[in-house]
Protein backbone atom coordinates (compact mmCIF):
# COMPACT_ATOMS: atom_id res chain seq x y z
CA MET A 1 2.48 25.44 -16.52
CA LYS A 2 3.86 22.03 -17.49
CA ARG A 3 1.38 19.77 -19.28
CA ILE A 4 1.80 16.01 -19.07
CA SER A 5 -0.26 13.89 -21.45
CA LEU A 6 -1.86 10.67 -20.24
CA SER A 7 -0.71 7.46 -21.90
CA ASP A 8 -4.20 6.27 -22.87
CA GLU A 9 -4.44 8.19 -26.17
CA SER A 10 -7.43 10.17 -24.87
CA ASN A 11 -5.62 13.46 -25.48
CA SER A 12 -6.14 14.17 -21.76
CA TRP A 13 -3.43 15.97 -19.84
CA PHE A 14 -2.82 17.52 -16.44
CA ASP A 15 -0.74 20.41 -15.17
CA VAL A 16 1.99 18.85 -13.05
CA ASP A 17 2.83 22.24 -11.52
CA ARG A 18 -0.67 22.48 -9.99
CA ALA A 19 -0.89 18.81 -8.95
CA GLU A 20 0.05 17.34 -5.58
CA GLU A 21 2.81 14.75 -5.96
CA TYR A 22 3.18 11.69 -3.72
CA LYS A 23 6.46 9.79 -4.07
CA GLU A 24 6.78 6.07 -3.56
CA ALA A 25 8.27 4.79 -0.33
CA SER A 26 11.06 2.24 -0.48
CA ARG A 27 12.84 -0.25 1.77
CA TRP A 28 16.32 -1.71 1.67
CA ASP A 29 16.02 -5.47 1.13
CA GLY A 30 19.68 -6.22 1.81
CA ASN A 31 20.67 -5.85 -1.82
CA ASN A 32 18.56 -3.07 -3.37
CA TRP A 33 16.10 -0.33 -2.55
CA ARG A 34 12.71 -1.93 -3.23
CA SER A 35 9.70 0.24 -4.07
CA LEU A 36 6.70 -0.27 -1.77
CA ALA A 37 4.49 0.76 -4.69
CA THR A 38 5.67 -2.00 -7.03
CA ASN A 39 7.52 -4.34 -4.64
CA ARG A 40 10.33 -4.37 -7.20
CA PRO A 41 13.72 -2.67 -7.10
CA TRP A 42 13.85 -1.16 -10.61
CA TYR A 43 10.18 -0.31 -11.24
CA HIS A 44 8.80 2.85 -9.70
CA GLU A 45 5.60 4.85 -9.25
CA HIS A 46 4.54 8.30 -8.13
CA LEU A 47 0.97 9.44 -7.66
CA TYR A 48 -0.47 12.84 -8.53
CA LYS A 49 -3.72 14.45 -7.46
CA THR A 50 -4.64 17.00 -10.09
CA ALA A 51 -6.09 20.43 -9.38
CA GLY A 52 -9.41 18.96 -10.58
CA GLY A 53 -9.25 16.08 -8.06
CA LYS A 54 -8.31 13.26 -10.45
CA TRP A 55 -5.65 10.71 -9.49
CA ILE A 56 -2.84 10.05 -11.96
CA LEU A 57 -0.39 7.17 -11.52
CA ASN A 58 3.07 7.70 -13.01
CA ALA A 59 4.95 4.43 -13.60
CA TRP A 60 8.48 4.01 -14.98
CA SER A 61 11.47 1.70 -14.84
CA ASP A 62 15.21 2.06 -14.53
CA TYR A 63 15.50 -0.43 -17.39
CA GLU A 64 16.29 1.04 -20.78
CA GLY A 65 13.45 0.80 -23.29
CA VAL A 66 10.57 0.70 -20.79
CA LEU A 67 8.21 3.58 -21.49
CA GLU A 68 7.08 5.93 -18.75
CA GLU A 69 3.30 5.96 -18.34
CA TYR A 70 0.72 8.32 -16.84
CA THR A 71 -2.64 6.67 -16.15
CA GLU A 72 -5.78 7.90 -14.40
CA ILE A 73 -6.84 5.58 -11.56
CA ARG A 74 -9.93 5.32 -9.33
CA VAL A 75 -9.97 7.06 -5.96
CA GLU A 76 -10.07 3.69 -4.12
CA GLU A 77 -6.90 2.60 -5.92
CA ALA A 78 -5.29 5.92 -5.04
CA TYR A 79 -6.12 5.47 -1.33
CA ASP A 80 -4.66 1.94 -1.36
CA TRP A 81 -1.52 3.26 -3.09
CA LEU A 82 -1.18 6.10 -0.57
CA ILE A 83 -1.49 3.71 2.39
CA ARG A 84 0.96 1.22 0.87
CA ASN A 85 3.45 4.07 0.44
CA GLU A 86 2.85 5.48 3.94
CA HIS A 87 1.15 8.74 2.94
CA TYR A 88 -1.46 8.34 5.69
CA ASP A 89 -2.15 12.07 6.01
CA ALA A 90 -3.40 12.15 2.40
CA VAL A 91 -6.13 9.56 3.06
CA PRO A 92 -9.46 10.61 4.61
CA GLU A 93 -9.80 9.30 8.16
CA GLU A 94 -12.80 7.06 7.38
CA GLN A 95 -10.89 5.42 4.51
CA LEU A 96 -7.79 5.00 6.64
CA ASN A 97 -9.82 3.44 9.46
CA ALA A 98 -11.38 1.00 7.02
CA ARG A 99 -7.93 -0.27 6.05
CA THR A 100 -6.00 -0.33 9.35
CA VAL A 101 -5.72 -2.74 12.24
CA ASP A 102 -5.45 -1.60 15.86
CA GLN A 103 -2.60 -3.19 17.78
CA LYS A 104 -2.63 -4.15 21.47
CA GLN A 105 -0.42 -1.18 22.37
CA SER A 106 -3.16 1.02 20.83
CA SER A 107 -0.78 2.16 18.15
CA ARG A 108 -2.16 1.86 14.65
CA ARG A 109 -0.40 0.13 11.80
CA ALA A 110 -1.66 0.46 8.26
CA ILE A 111 -1.75 -2.67 6.16
CA TYR A 112 -2.94 -3.20 2.62
CA VAL A 113 -5.98 -5.48 2.47
CA PRO A 114 -7.66 -6.03 -0.91
CA ASP A 115 -11.37 -5.19 -0.84
CA ALA A 116 -12.53 -8.78 -1.46
CA LEU A 117 -10.42 -10.09 1.45
CA TRP A 118 -11.60 -7.22 3.65
CA ASP A 119 -15.23 -8.25 3.03
CA VAL A 120 -14.48 -11.93 3.76
CA ALA A 121 -12.76 -10.95 7.01
CA ARG A 122 -15.87 -8.99 8.02
CA ASP A 123 -18.14 -11.99 7.35
CA VAL A 124 -15.87 -14.44 9.23
CA ALA A 125 -15.54 -12.03 12.16
CA ILE A 126 -19.33 -11.70 12.40
CA ASP A 127 -19.70 -15.50 12.31
CA GLN A 128 -17.10 -15.84 15.08
CA GLY A 129 -18.58 -13.02 17.19
CA MET A 130 -15.39 -10.96 16.92
CA LYS A 131 -14.33 -7.57 15.67
CA ARG A 132 -12.69 -7.67 12.26
CA SER A 133 -9.48 -6.17 13.70
CA GLU A 134 -9.37 -8.91 16.38
CA LEU A 135 -9.77 -11.61 13.74
CA ILE A 136 -7.03 -10.15 11.54
CA ASN A 137 -4.66 -9.79 14.52
CA GLU A 138 -5.31 -13.38 15.61
CA LEU A 139 -4.80 -14.80 12.11
CA LEU A 140 -1.68 -12.74 11.54
CA GLN A 141 -0.13 -13.82 14.84
CA ARG A 142 -1.04 -17.47 14.27
CA HIS A 143 0.48 -17.53 10.79
CA VAL A 144 3.59 -15.54 11.67
CA PHE A 145 4.35 -17.81 14.65
CA THR A 146 3.69 -20.92 12.53
CA TRP A 147 6.15 -19.58 9.96
CA LEU A 148 8.72 -18.87 12.67
CA ARG A 149 8.40 -22.45 14.01
CA GLU A 150 8.94 -23.78 10.48
CA HIS A 151 11.95 -21.47 9.98
CA PRO A 152 13.73 -21.54 13.36
CA PHE A 153 16.96 -20.25 11.87
CA TYR A 154 15.27 -16.93 11.16
CA TYR A 155 14.80 -15.87 14.77
CA ASP A 156 16.74 -18.49 16.69
CA HIS A 157 18.81 -15.70 18.21
CA ASN A 158 15.77 -13.78 19.41
CA ASP A 159 13.88 -14.78 22.57
CA ASP A 160 11.48 -11.81 22.37
CA TYR A 161 8.62 -13.73 20.81
CA ASP A 162 6.53 -16.39 22.45
CA ALA A 163 5.38 -19.00 19.94
């Protein structure tokens, strides 16, 4: 048994040997590996689900002098973290469905949508007589294509998109 104390001075701890660990995902940005958890190259996070069902976020940095922290987080925050870091199998189906958008090819892509924005999208979709996923797809396409028109150098070599 390996006890890890939480950083909140509550004297709480968890047994890391009995906890499930979820590691952050990362992407190469052309210069560095960037954490999907923090969106920064030298700051990292892992998530643990304790044997008692609590969610513990472990945050640390590659920078010298930055303290490693272990903090208990809410289940909703844990689900968002898991989706952002592509641990879809660890999220209950109903929670995953509430945070994903169906694509035309009927393949699902998970995206992170803050709760407040998710609720606004629902209200706008109802007002427009659309499904929320249709509204999000339409807005995403409209804004991505607008961005591409404003930045033609980005995809000027690619004729695969129709703006």
